[in-house]
PDB file of N, CA and C in Angstrom:
ATOM      1  N   MET A   1     119.808 106.799  96.860  1.00  0.00           N
ATOM      2  CA  MET A   1     118.607 105.960  96.868  1.00  0.00           C
ATOM      3  C   MET A   1     117.667 106.326  97.913  1.00  0.00           C
ATOM      4  N   ASP A   2     118.147 106.638  99.143  1.00  0.00           N
ATOM      5  CA  ASP A   2     117.263 107.010 100.234  1.00  0.00           C
ATOM      6  C   ASP A   2     116.385 108.242  99.924  1.00  0.00           C
ATOM      7  N   ASP A   3     116.962 109.135  99.176  1.00  0.00           N
ATOM      8  CA  ASP A   3     116.191 110.394  98.722  1.00  0.00           C
ATOM      9  C   ASP A   3     115.021 109.948  97.873  1.00  0.00           C
ATOM     10  N   LEU A   4     115.221 109.009  96.957  1.00  0.00           N
ATOM     11  CA  LEU A   4     114.081 108.528  96.115  1.00  0.00           C
ATOM     12  C   LEU A   4     113.009 107.854  96.937  1.00  0.00           C
ATOM     13  N   TYR A   5     113.355 107.053  97.896  1.00  0.00           N
ATOM     14  CA  TYR A   5     112.375 106.472  98.763  1.00  0.00           C
ATOM     15  C   TYR A   5     111.693 107.494  99.656  1.00  0.00           C
ATOM     16  N   ARG A   6     112.386 108.507 100.017  1.00  0.00           N
ATOM     17  CA  ARG A   6     111.833 109.534 100.858  1.00  0.00           C
ATOM     18  C   ARG A   6     110.775 110.317 100.021  1.00  0.00           C
ATOM     19  N   GLU A   7     111.095 110.620  98.726  1.00  0.00           N
ATOM     20  CA  GLU A   7     110.110 111.315  97.872  1.00  0.00           C
ATOM     21  C   GLU A   7     108.895 110.433  97.695  1.00  0.00           C
ATOM     22  N   ARG A   8     109.027 109.181  97.493  1.00  0.00           N
ATOM     23  CA  ARG A   8     107.929 108.234  97.324  1.00  0.00           C
ATOM     24  C   ARG A   8     107.094 108.205  98.617  1.00  0.00           C
ATOM     25  N   ALA A   9     107.755 108.236  99.726  1.00  0.00           N
ATOM     26  CA  ALA A   9     107.069 108.222 101.044  1.00  0.00           C
ATOM     27  C   ALA A   9     106.160 109.455 101.217  1.00  0.00           C
ATOM     28  N   HIS A  10     106.635 110.583 100.743  1.00  0.00           N
ATOM     29  CA  HIS A  10     105.830 111.834 100.825  1.00  0.00           C
ATOM     30  C   HIS A  10     104.510 111.587 100.015  1.00  0.00           C
ATOM     31  N   LEU A  11     104.609 111.044  98.861  1.00  0.00           N
ATOM     32  CA  LEU A  11     103.375 110.849  97.999  1.00  0.00           C
ATOM     33  C   LEU A  11     102.502 109.756  98.606  1.00  0.00           C
ATOM     34  N   VAL A  12     103.070 108.747  99.113  1.00  0.00           N
ATOM     35  CA  VAL A  12     102.238 107.659  99.761  1.00  0.00           C
ATOM     36  C   VAL A  12     101.554 108.185 101.003  1.00  0.00           C
ATOM     37  N   ALA A  13     102.282 109.035 101.806  1.00  0.00           N
ATOM     38  CA  ALA A  13     101.658 109.605 102.938  1.00  0.00           C
ATOM     39  C   ALA A  13     100.418 110.497 102.576  1.00  0.00           C
ATOM     40  N   HIS A  14     100.524 111.110 101.456  1.00  0.00           N
ATOM     41  CA  HIS A  14      99.403 111.935 100.941  1.00  0.00           C
ATOM     42  C   HIS A  14      98.229 111.023 100.571  1.00  0.00           C
ATOM     43  N   LEU A  15      98.469 109.884  99.899  1.00  0.00           N
ATOM     44  CA  LEU A  15      97.474 108.940  99.513  1.00  0.00           C
ATOM     45  C   LEU A  15      96.828 108.416 100.850  1.00  0.00           C
ATOM     46  N   ALA A  16      97.654 108.130 101.828  1.00  0.00           N
ATOM     47  CA  ALA A  16      97.123 107.566 103.109  1.00  0.00           C
ATOM     48  C   ALA A  16      96.303 108.637 103.817  1.00  0.00           C
ATOM     49  N   ALA A  17      96.414 109.918 103.521  1.00  0.00           N
ATOM     50  CA  ALA A  17      95.565 110.921 104.088  1.00  0.00           C
ATOM     51  C   ALA A  17      94.188 110.930 103.377  1.00  0.00           C
ATOM     52  N   LEU A  18      94.185 110.553 102.171  1.00  0.00           N
ATOM     53  CA  LEU A  18      92.994 110.654 101.286  1.00  0.00           C
ATOM     54  C   LEU A  18      92.062 109.433 101.424  1.00  0.00           C
ATOM     55  N   TYR A  19      92.659 108.279 101.716  1.00  0.00           N
ATOM     56  CA  TYR A  19      91.930 106.950 101.747  1.00  0.00           C
ATOM     57  C   TYR A  19      92.134 106.305 103.089  1.00  0.00           C
ATOM     58  N   PRO A  20      91.132 105.466 103.489  1.00  0.00           N
ATOM     59  CA  PRO A  20      91.278 104.696 104.705  1.00  0.00           C
ATOM     60  C   PRO A  20      92.607 103.945 104.628  1.00  0.00           C
ATOM     61  N   SER A  21      93.379 104.078 105.695  1.00  0.00           N
ATOM     62  CA  SER A  21      94.750 103.415 105.682  1.00  0.00           C
ATOM     63  C   SER A  21      95.172 103.034 107.081  1.00  0.00           C
ATOM     64  N   HIS A  22      96.131 102.188 107.106  1.00  0.00           N
ATOM     65  CA  HIS A  22      96.691 101.809 108.402  1.00  0.00           C
ATOM     66  C   HIS A  22      98.094 101.219 108.185  1.00  0.00           C
ATOM     67  N   ILE A  23      98.921 101.249 109.218  1.00  0.00           N
ATOM     68  CA  ILE A  23     100.280 100.652 109.141  1.00  0.00           C
ATOM     69  C   ILE A  23     100.324  99.394 109.979  1.00  0.00           C
ATOM     70  N   GLY A  24     100.863  98.363 109.300  1.00  0.00           N
ATOM     71  CA  GLY A  24     100.992  97.109 109.964  1.00  0.00           C
ATOM     72  C   GLY A  24     102.460  96.564 109.828  1.00  0.00           C
ATOM     73  N   VAL A  25     102.681  95.395 110.272  1.00  0.00           N
ATOM     74  CA  VAL A  25     103.960  94.780 110.228  1.00  0.00           C
ATOM     75  C   VAL A  25     103.875  93.513 109.441  1.00  0.00           C
ATOM     76  N   ASP A  26     104.847  93.396 108.424  1.00  0.00           N
ATOM     77  CA  ASP A  26     104.925  92.264 107.612  1.00  0.00           C
ATOM     78  C   ASP A  26     105.748  91.272 108.352  1.00  0.00           C
ATOM     79  N   PRO A  27     105.167  90.116 108.776  1.00  0.00           N
ATOM     80  CA  PRO A  27     105.998  89.180 109.554  1.00  0.00           C
ATOM     81  C   PRO A  27     107.261  88.697 108.814  1.00  0.00           C
ATOM     82  N   ALA A  28     107.245  88.732 107.468  1.00  0.00           N
ATOM     83  CA  ALA A  28     108.415  88.333 106.704  1.00  0.00           C
ATOM     84  C   ALA A  28     109.480  89.325 106.797  1.00  0.00           C
ATOM     85  N   GLU A  29     109.139  90.641 106.999  1.00  0.00           N
ATOM     86  CA  GLU A  29     110.117  91.750 107.026  1.00  0.00           C
ATOM     87  C   GLU A  29     109.720  92.723 108.165  1.00  0.00           C
ATOM     88  N   PRO A  30     109.842  92.249 109.431  1.00  0.00           N
ATOM     89  CA  PRO A  30     109.369  93.056 110.530  1.00  0.00           C
ATOM     90  C   PRO A  30     110.065  94.420 110.677  1.00  0.00           C
ATOM     91  N   ASP A  31     111.271  94.523 110.110  1.00  0.00           N
ATOM     92  CA  ASP A  31     111.909  95.900 110.209  1.00  0.00           C
ATOM     93  C   ASP A  31     111.442  96.904 109.232  1.00  0.00           C
ATOM     94  N   TRP A  32     110.519  96.523 108.349  1.00  0.00           N
ATOM     95  CA  TRP A  32     109.986  97.413 107.336  1.00  0.00           C
ATOM     96  C   TRP A  32     108.478  97.491 107.459  1.00  0.00           C
ATOM     97  N   PRO A  33     107.941  98.491 108.231  1.00  0.00           N
ATOM     98  CA  PRO A  33     106.502  98.654 108.344  1.00  0.00           C
ATOM     99  C   PRO A  33     105.864  98.717 106.991  1.00  0.00           C
ATOM    100  N   VAL A  34     104.581  98.356 106.919  1.00  0.00           N
ATOM    101  CA  VAL A  34     103.825  98.462 105.634  1.00  0.00           C
ATOM    102  C   VAL A  34     102.661  99.326 105.827  1.00  0.00           C
ATOM    103  N   VAL A  35     102.484 100.264 104.870  1.00  0.00           N
ATOM    104  CA  VAL A  35     101.225 101.134 104.899  1.00  0.00           C
ATOM    105  C   VAL A  35     100.265 100.447 103.921  1.00  0.00           C
ATOM    106  N   TYR A  36      99.023 100.244 104.332  1.00  0.00           N
ATOM    107  CA  TYR A  36      97.971  99.704 103.519  1.00  0.00           C
ATOM    108  C   TYR A  36      97.006 100.826 103.248  1.00  0.00           C
ATOM    109  N   VAL A  37      96.713 101.086 102.004  1.00  0.00           N
ATOM    110  CA  VAL A  37      95.799 102.101 101.507  1.00  0.00           C
ATOM    111  C   VAL A  37      94.616 101.436 100.856  1.00  0.00           C
ATOM    112  N   ASP A  38      93.418 101.644 101.339  1.00  0.00           N
ATOM    113  CA  ASP A  38      92.285 100.985 100.802  1.00  0.00           C
ATOM    114  C   ASP A  38      91.559 101.987  99.928  1.00  0.00           C
ATOM    115  N   THR A  39      91.561 101.784  98.607  1.00  0.00           N
ATOM    116  CA  THR A  39      90.921 102.672  97.600  1.00  0.00           C
ATOM    117  C   THR A  39      89.737 101.975  96.942  1.00  0.00           C
ATOM    118  N   GLY A  40      88.995 102.736  96.222  1.00  0.00           N
ATOM    119  CA  GLY A  40      87.911 102.155  95.382  1.00  0.00           C
ATOM    120  C   GLY A  40      88.394 101.244  94.357  1.00  0.00           C
ATOM    121  N   ALA A  41      89.667 101.339  93.978  1.00  0.00           N
ATOM    122  CA  ALA A  41      90.208 100.490  92.972  1.00  0.00           C
ATOM    123  C   ALA A  41      90.904  99.285  93.544  1.00  0.00           C
ATOM    124  N   GLY A  42      90.901  99.166  94.881  1.00  0.00           N
ATOM    125  CA  GLY A  42      91.542  98.023  95.603  1.00  0.00           C
ATOM    126  C   GLY A  42      92.688  98.483  96.507  1.00  0.00           C
ATOM    127  N   GLN A  43      93.251  97.510  97.198  1.00  0.00           N
ATOM    128  CA  GLN A  43      94.243  97.836  98.188  1.00  0.00           C
ATOM    129  C   GLN A  43      95.545  98.136  97.503  1.00  0.00           C
ATOM    130  N   LEU A  44      96.305  99.085  98.036  1.00  0.00           N
ATOM    131  CA  LEU A  44      97.664  99.401  97.627  1.00  0.00           C
ATOM    132  C   LEU A  44      98.502  99.372  98.871  1.00  0.00           C
ATOM    133  N   SER A  45      99.731  98.934  98.770  1.00  0.00           N
ATOM    134  CA  SER A  45     100.574  98.860  99.960  1.00  0.00           C
ATOM    135  C   SER A  45     102.077  99.100  99.590  1.00  0.00           C
ATOM    136  N   TRP A  46     102.791  99.638 100.558  1.00  0.00           N
ATOM    137  CA  TRP A  46     104.184  99.901 100.361  1.00  0.00           C
ATOM    138  C   TRP A  46     104.942  99.606 101.659  1.00  0.00           C
ATOM    139  N   HIS A  47     106.112  99.060 101.539  1.00  0.00           N
ATOM    140  CA  HIS A  47     106.983  98.967 102.719  1.00  0.00           C
ATOM    141  C   HIS A  47     107.549 100.347 102.991  1.00  0.00           C
ATOM    142  N   LEU A  48     107.805 100.639 104.207  1.00  0.00           N
ATOM    143  CA  LEU A  48     108.364 101.967 104.605  1.00  0.00           C
ATOM    144  C   LEU A  48     109.633 101.863 105.344  1.00  0.00           C
ATOM    145  N   SER A  49     110.503 102.795 105.162  1.00  0.00           N
ATOM    146  CA  SER A  49     111.611 102.905 105.998  1.00  0.00           C
ATOM    147  C   SER A  49     111.171 103.463 107.409  1.00  0.00           C
ATOM    148  N   THR A  50     111.734 102.945 108.439  1.00  0.00           N
ATOM    149  CA  THR A  50     111.397 103.574 109.783  1.00  0.00           C
ATOM    150  C   THR A  50     111.667 104.987 109.880  1.00  0.00           C
ATOM    151  N   ALA A  51     112.689 105.497 109.068  1.00  0.00           N
ATOM    152  CA  ALA A  51     113.044 106.878 109.077  1.00  0.00           C
ATOM    153  C   ALA A  51     111.921 107.724 108.451  1.00  0.00           C
ATOM    154  N   ASP A  52     111.039 107.128 107.687  1.00  0.00           N
ATOM    155  CA  ASP A  52     109.933 107.849 107.070  1.00  0.00           C
ATOM    156  C   ASP A  52     108.641 107.825 107.846  1.00  0.00           C
ATOM    157  N   LEU A  53     108.633 107.074 108.980  1.00  0.00           N
ATOM    158  CA  LEU A  53     107.393 106.850 109.778  1.00  0.00           C
ATOM    159  C   LEU A  53     106.817 108.240 110.246  1.00  0.00           C
ATOM    160  N   PRO A  54     107.659 109.233 110.580  1.00  0.00           N
ATOM    161  CA  PRO A  54     107.093 110.541 110.982  1.00  0.00           C
ATOM    162  C   PRO A  54     106.192 111.163 109.911  1.00  0.00           C
ATOM    163  N   LEU A  55     106.355 110.820 108.650  1.00  0.00           N
ATOM    164  CA  LEU A  55     105.465 111.325 107.615  1.00  0.00           C
ATOM    165  C   LEU A  55     104.077 110.698 107.724  1.00  0.00           C
ATOM    166  N   PHE A  56     103.947 109.595 108.471  1.00  0.00           N
ATOM    167  CA  PHE A  56     102.740 108.836 108.516  1.00  0.00           C
ATOM    168  C   PHE A  56     102.129 108.906 109.984  1.00  0.00           C
ATOM    169  N   ALA A  57     102.385 109.985 110.661  1.00  0.00           N
ATOM    170  CA  ALA A  57     101.888 110.131 112.061  1.00  0.00           C
ATOM    171  C   ALA A  57     100.319 110.141 112.067  1.00  0.00           C
ATOM    172  N   HIS A  58      99.722 110.540 110.923  1.00  0.00           N
ATOM    173  CA  HIS A  58      98.311 110.556 110.796  1.00  0.00           C
ATOM    174  C   HIS A  58      97.638 109.217 110.513  1.00  0.00           C
ATOM    175  N   VAL A  59      98.402 108.181 110.314  1.00  0.00           N
ATOM    176  CA  VAL A  59      97.909 106.928 109.916  1.00  0.00           C
ATOM    177  C   VAL A  59      97.916 106.025 111.122  1.00  0.00           C
ATOM    178  N   PRO A  60      96.727 105.406 111.436  1.00  0.00           N
ATOM    179  CA  PRO A  60      96.648 104.517 112.594  1.00  0.00           C
ATOM    180  C   PRO A  60      97.463 103.205 112.325  1.00  0.00           C
ATOM    181  N   ARG A  61      97.829 102.575 113.470  1.00  0.00           N
ATOM    182  CA  ARG A  61      98.495 101.257 113.369  1.00  0.00           C
ATOM    183  C   ARG A  61      97.419 100.187 113.470  1.00  0.00           C
ATOM    184  N   GLY A  62      97.690  99.089 112.816  1.00  0.00           N
ATOM    185  CA  GLY A  62      96.736  97.960 112.848  1.00  0.00           C
ATOM    186  C   GLY A  62      97.395  96.677 112.451  1.00  0.00           C
ATOM    187  N   ASP A  63      96.584  95.694 112.208  1.00  0.00           N
ATOM    188  CA  ASP A  63      97.115  94.440 111.758  1.00  0.00           C
ATOM    189  C   ASP A  63      97.480  94.460 110.277  1.00  0.00           C
ATOM    190  N   ALA A  64      98.505  93.623 109.924  1.00  0.00           N
ATOM    191  CA  ALA A  64      98.771  93.549 108.462  1.00  0.00           C
ATOM    192  C   ALA A  64      97.657  92.747 107.810  1.00  0.00           C
ATOM    193  N   ASP A  65      97.055  93.280 106.814  1.00  0.00           N
ATOM    194  CA  ASP A  65      95.972  92.570 106.134  1.00  0.00           C
ATOM    195  C   ASP A  65      96.087  92.601 104.591  1.00  0.00           C
ATOM    196  N   TRP A  66      97.337  92.351 104.132  1.00  0.00           N
ATOM    197  CA  TRP A  66      97.629  92.377 102.729  1.00  0.00           C
ATOM    198  C   TRP A  66      96.667  91.390 101.989  1.00  0.00           C
ATOM    199  N   ASP A  67      96.119  91.902 100.915  1.00  0.00           N
ATOM    200  CA  ASP A  67      95.180  91.128 100.088  1.00  0.00           C
ATOM    201  C   ASP A  67      95.864  90.193  99.103  1.00  0.00           C
ATOM    202  N   GLY A  68      97.158  90.190  99.008  1.00  0.00           N
ATOM    203  CA  GLY A  68      97.894  89.332  98.107  1.00  0.00           C
ATOM    204  C   GLY A  68      98.229  89.947  96.778  1.00  0.00           C
ATOM    205  N   HIS A  69      97.944  91.210  96.607  1.00  0.00           N
ATOM    206  CA  HIS A  69      98.238  91.860  95.331  1.00  0.00           C
ATOM    207  C   HIS A  69      99.763  91.861  94.993  1.00  0.00           C
ATOM    208  N   THR A  70     100.042  91.780  93.790  1.00  0.00           N
ATOM    209  CA  THR A  70     101.399  91.916  93.326  1.00  0.00           C
ATOM    210  C   THR A  70     101.788  93.333  93.058  1.00  0.00           C
ATOM    211  N   THR A  71     103.001  93.587  92.868  1.00  0.00           N
ATOM    212  CA  THR A  71     103.450  94.979  92.492  1.00  0.00           C
ATOM    213  C   THR A  71     102.752  95.426  91.226  1.00  0.00           C
ATOM    214  N   GLU A  72     102.653  94.528  90.201  1.00  0.00           N
ATOM    215  CA  GLU A  72     101.964  94.900  88.996  1.00  0.00           C
ATOM    216  C   GLU A  72     100.447  95.231  89.203  1.00  0.00           C
ATOM    217  N   GLN A  73      99.836  94.462  90.052  1.00  0.00           N
ATOM    218  CA  GLN A  73      98.416  94.716  90.385  1.00  0.00           C
ATOM    219  C   GLN A  73      98.271  96.010  91.123  1.00  0.00           C
ATOM    220  N   LYS A  74      99.179  96.252  91.978  1.00  0.00           N
ATOM    221  CA  LYS A  74      99.080  97.465  92.755  1.00  0.00           C
ATOM    222  C   LYS A  74      99.140  98.737  91.824  1.00  0.00           C
ATOM    223  N   TYR A  75     100.104  98.701  90.869  1.00  0.00           N
ATOM    224  CA  TYR A  75     100.214  99.849  90.030  1.00  0.00           C
ATOM    225  C   TYR A  75      99.120  99.932  88.976  1.00  0.00           C
ATOM    226  N   ALA A  76      98.611  98.783  88.586  1.00  0.00           N
ATOM    227  CA  ALA A  76      97.386  98.743  87.738  1.00  0.00           C
ATOM    228  C   ALA A  76      96.201  99.337  88.448  1.00  0.00           C
ATOM    229  N   ARG A  77      96.013  99.049  89.734  1.00  0.00           N
ATOM    230  CA  ARG A  77      94.968  99.643  90.537  1.00  0.00           C
ATOM    231  C   ARG A  77      95.123 101.163  90.667  1.00  0.00           C
ATOM    232  N   LEU A  78      96.407 101.541  90.919  1.00  0.00           N
ATOM    233  CA  LEU A  78      96.678 102.968  91.055  1.00  0.00           C
ATOM    234  C   LEU A  78      96.373 103.695  89.736  1.00  0.00           C
ATOM    235  N   ASP A  79      96.803 103.118  88.623  1.00  0.00           N
ATOM    236  CA  ASP A  79      96.560 103.697  87.309  1.00  0.00           C
ATOM    237  C   ASP A  79      94.992 103.822  87.098  1.00  0.00           C
ATOM    238  N   ASN A  80      94.270 102.804  87.440  1.00  0.00           N
ATOM    239  CA  ASN A  80      92.789 102.793  87.297  1.00  0.00           C
ATOM    240  C   ASN A  80      92.203 103.907  88.176  1.00  0.00           C
ATOM    241  N   LEU A  81      92.647 104.019  89.412  1.00  0.00           N
ATOM    242  CA  LEU A  81      92.172 105.124  90.282  1.00  0.00           C
ATOM    243  C   LEU A  81      92.486 106.401  89.718  1.00  0.00           C
ATOM    244  N   THR A  82      93.664 106.619  89.198  1.00  0.00           N
ATOM    245  CA  THR A  82      94.058 107.944  88.569  1.00  0.00           C
ATOM    246  C   THR A  82      93.198 108.288  87.391  1.00  0.00           C
ATOM    247  N   ARG A  83      92.899 107.261  86.530  1.00  0.00           N
ATOM    248  CA  ARG A  83      92.051 107.540  85.363  1.00  0.00           C
ATOM    249  C   ARG A  83      90.639 107.873  85.798  1.00  0.00           C
ATOM    250  N   THR A  84      90.111 107.195  86.802  1.00  0.00           N
ATOM    251  CA  THR A  84      88.800 107.483  87.343  1.00  0.00           C
ATOM    252  C   THR A  84      88.663 108.838  87.819  1.00  0.00           C
ATOM    253  N   ILE A  85      89.642 109.260  88.689  1.00  0.00           N
ATOM    254  CA  ILE A  85      89.625 110.596  89.297  1.00  0.00           C
ATOM    255  C   ILE A  85      89.783 111.664  88.173  1.00  0.00           C
ATOM    256  N   ALA A  86      90.645 111.415  87.209  1.00  0.00           N
ATOM    257  CA  ALA A  86      90.905 112.415  86.178  1.00  0.00           C
ATOM    258  C   ALA A  86      89.613 112.549  85.319  1.00  0.00           C
ATOM    259  N   ALA A  87      88.921 111.457  85.096  1.00  0.00           N
ATOM    260  CA  ALA A  87      87.718 111.542  84.268  1.00  0.00           C
ATOM    261  C   ALA A  87      86.659 112.310  85.009  1.00  0.00           C
ATOM    262  N   ARG A  88      86.487 112.168  86.273  1.00  0.00           N
ATOM    263  CA  ARG A  88      85.534 112.936  87.079  1.00  0.00           C
ATOM    264  C   ARG A  88      85.852 114.458  87.016  1.00  0.00           C
ATOM    265  N   GLY A  89      87.196 114.730  87.065  1.00  0.00           N
ATOM    266  CA  GLY A  89      87.565 116.147  87.018  1.00  0.00           C
ATOM    267  C   GLY A  89      87.296 116.789  85.623  1.00  0.00           C
ATOM    268  N   ALA A  90      87.440 115.947  84.583  1.00  0.00           N
ATOM    269  CA  ALA A  90      87.172 116.464  83.196  1.00  0.00           C
ATOM    270  C   ALA A  90      85.721 116.663  83.014  1.00  0.00           C
ATOM    271  N   ALA A  91      84.871 115.902  83.725  1.00  0.00           N
ATOM    272  CA  ALA A  91      83.428 116.045  83.542  1.00  0.00           C
ATOM    273  C   ALA A  91      82.831 117.162  84.335  1.00  0.00           C
ATOM    274  N   ALA A  92      83.610 117.715  85.232  1.00  0.00           N
ATOM    275  CA  ALA A  92      83.160 118.812  86.192  1.00  0.00           C
ATOM    276  C   ALA A  92      83.082 120.171  85.429  1.00  0.00           C
TER     277      ALA A  92
END
């Protein structure tokens, strides 16, 4: 299971390099840092294993500012963002 989370962390680190992002602490789960990625489709966030933090060395630390999105909303936003970017590429 750790390998799957590590694979996801690589992709999320890439997103965090493309969009304004920061890492904060969820007071409810202080042992699991959270990366917040602010996209044109809305905020996306994921809890991270501390073992994966080196992948996020490029991401500044800040306050937790979760906008209250659910997991379903997060992935709907990500899907919307993907469609928007894919449509731009098709038009080029």
